[in-house]
Amino acid sequence: LDEDIDLPYSCMSGLCTACMGKCLSGKVEMGDQDGLSEKEVKNGYVLTCVGRPAAAGTVIEID
């Protein structure tokens, strides 16, 4: 959002999962991931409203 990239979001706190995407490459650091199950996190899903890219070339797919 800070970079003017049009991403879906609603609550901006990581609970509603409107912003859920899958990290295809790179790394995303999330301070709060309460909206995701352990399985979703293990499978690479992230919440873009609370996540920040932590590696150059990070790619996130949004459904």
C-alpha atoms as a PDB file:
ATOM      1  CA  LEU A   1       0.000   0.000   0.000  1.00  0.00           C
ATOM      2  CA  ASP A   2       2.869   2.362   0.764  1.00  0.00           C
ATOM      3  CA  GLU A   3       4.151   1.833  -2.791  1.00  0.00           C
ATOM      4  CA  ASP A   4       0.799   2.558  -4.494  1.00  0.00           C
ATOM      5  CA  ILE A   5       0.346  -1.074  -5.546  1.00  0.00           C
ATOM      6  CA  ASP A   6      -3.342  -1.941  -5.795  1.00  0.00           C
ATOM      7  CA  LEU A   7      -3.804  -4.839  -3.365  1.00  0.00           C
ATOM      8  CA  PRO A   8      -7.029  -6.109  -1.823  1.00  0.00           C
ATOM      9  CA  TYR A   9      -7.444  -5.304   1.876  1.00  0.00           C
ATOM     10  CA  SER A  10     -10.132  -4.625   4.422  1.00  0.00           C
ATOM     11  CA  CYS A  11      -9.225  -4.787   8.118  1.00  0.00           C
ATOM     12  CA  MET A  12      -5.496  -3.943   7.761  1.00  0.00           C
ATOM     13  CA  SER A  13      -4.796  -6.008  10.890  1.00  0.00           C
ATOM     14  CA  GLY A  14      -4.391  -9.523   9.458  1.00  0.00           C
ATOM     15  CA  LEU A  15      -7.707 -10.939  10.621  1.00  0.00           C
ATOM     16  CA  CYS A  16     -10.156 -10.833   7.697  1.00  0.00           C
ATOM     17  CA  THR A  17      -7.782 -12.473   5.133  1.00  0.00           C
ATOM     18  CA  ALA A  18      -9.104 -10.298   2.268  1.00  0.00           C
ATOM     19  CA  CYS A  19      -5.457  -9.619   1.399  1.00  0.00           C
ATOM     20  CA  MET A  20      -4.256 -13.240   1.426  1.00  0.00           C
ATOM     21  CA  GLY A  21      -1.777 -14.185  -1.268  1.00  0.00           C
ATOM     22  CA  LYS A  22       0.827 -16.854  -1.903  1.00  0.00           C
ATOM     23  CA  CYS A  23       4.541 -16.099  -1.792  1.00  0.00           C
ATOM     24  CA  LEU A  24       5.948 -17.670  -4.969  1.00  0.00           C
ATOM     25  CA  SER A  25       9.532 -16.536  -4.454  1.00  0.00           C
ATOM     26  CA  GLY A  26      11.533 -14.542  -1.962  1.00  0.00           C
ATOM     27  CA  LYS A  27      10.475 -14.043   1.633  1.00  0.00           C
ATOM     28  CA  VAL A  28       7.764 -12.139   3.485  1.00  0.00           C
ATOM     29  CA  GLU A  29       8.002 -11.194   7.164  1.00  0.00           C
ATOM     30  CA  MET A  30       4.687 -10.894   8.972  1.00  0.00           C
ATOM     31  CA  GLY A  31       4.385  -9.452  12.453  1.00  0.00           C
ATOM     32  CA  ASP A  32       0.883 -10.839  12.949  1.00  0.00           C
ATOM     33  CA  GLN A  33      -0.621 -13.771  11.098  1.00  0.00           C
ATOM     34  CA  ASP A  34      -3.643 -14.611  13.260  1.00  0.00           C
ATOM     35  CA  GLY A  35      -5.900 -14.863  10.194  1.00  0.00           C
ATOM     36  CA  LEU A  36      -3.911 -17.770   8.720  1.00  0.00           C
ATOM     37  CA  SER A  37      -3.846 -21.387   9.809  1.00  0.00           C
ATOM     38  CA  GLU A  38      -0.530 -23.150  10.419  1.00  0.00           C
ATOM     39  CA  LYS A  39      -1.126 -25.128   7.206  1.00  0.00           C
ATOM     40  CA  GLU A  40      -1.627 -21.931   5.162  1.00  0.00           C
ATOM     41  CA  VAL A  41       1.585 -20.419   6.545  1.00  0.00           C
ATOM     42  CA  LYS A  42       3.477 -23.660   5.838  1.00  0.00           C
ATOM     43  CA  ASN A  43       2.129 -23.613   2.254  1.00  0.00           C
ATOM     44  CA  GLY A  44       3.467 -20.094   1.656  1.00  0.00           C
ATOM     45  CA  TYR A  45       0.357 -17.991   2.174  1.00  0.00           C
ATOM     46  CA  VAL A  46       0.834 -14.464   3.477  1.00  0.00           C
ATOM     47  CA  LEU A  47      -1.280 -11.473   4.453  1.00  0.00           C
ATOM     48  CA  THR A  48      -0.169  -8.451   2.459  1.00  0.00           C
ATOM     49  CA  CYS A  49      -1.664  -5.929   4.888  1.00  0.00           C
ATOM     50  CA  VAL A  50       0.686  -7.009   7.701  1.00  0.00           C
ATOM     51  CA  GLY A  51       3.502  -8.578   5.658  1.00  0.00           C
ATOM     52  CA  ARG A  52       6.575  -6.899   4.239  1.00  0.00           C
ATOM     53  CA  PRO A  53       8.932  -8.253   1.559  1.00  0.00           C
ATOM     54  CA  ALA A  54      12.147  -9.391   3.238  1.00  0.00           C
ATOM     55  CA  ALA A  55      14.114 -10.342   0.122  1.00  0.00           C
ATOM     56  CA  ALA A  56      14.777  -8.758  -3.249  1.00  0.00           C
ATOM     57  CA  GLY A  57      12.611 -10.202  -6.004  1.00  0.00           C
ATOM     58  CA  THR A  58       9.803 -11.336  -3.711  1.00  0.00           C
ATOM     59  CA  VAL A  59       6.756 -12.359  -5.777  1.00  0.00           C
ATOM     60  CA  ILE A  60       3.280 -12.719  -4.273  1.00  0.00           C
ATOM     61  CA  GLU A  61       0.334 -14.111  -6.223  1.00  0.00           C
ATOM     62  CA  ILE A  62      -3.077 -12.649  -5.352  1.00  0.00           C
ATOM     63  CA  ASP A  63      -6.167 -14.643  -6.367  1.00  0.00           C
END
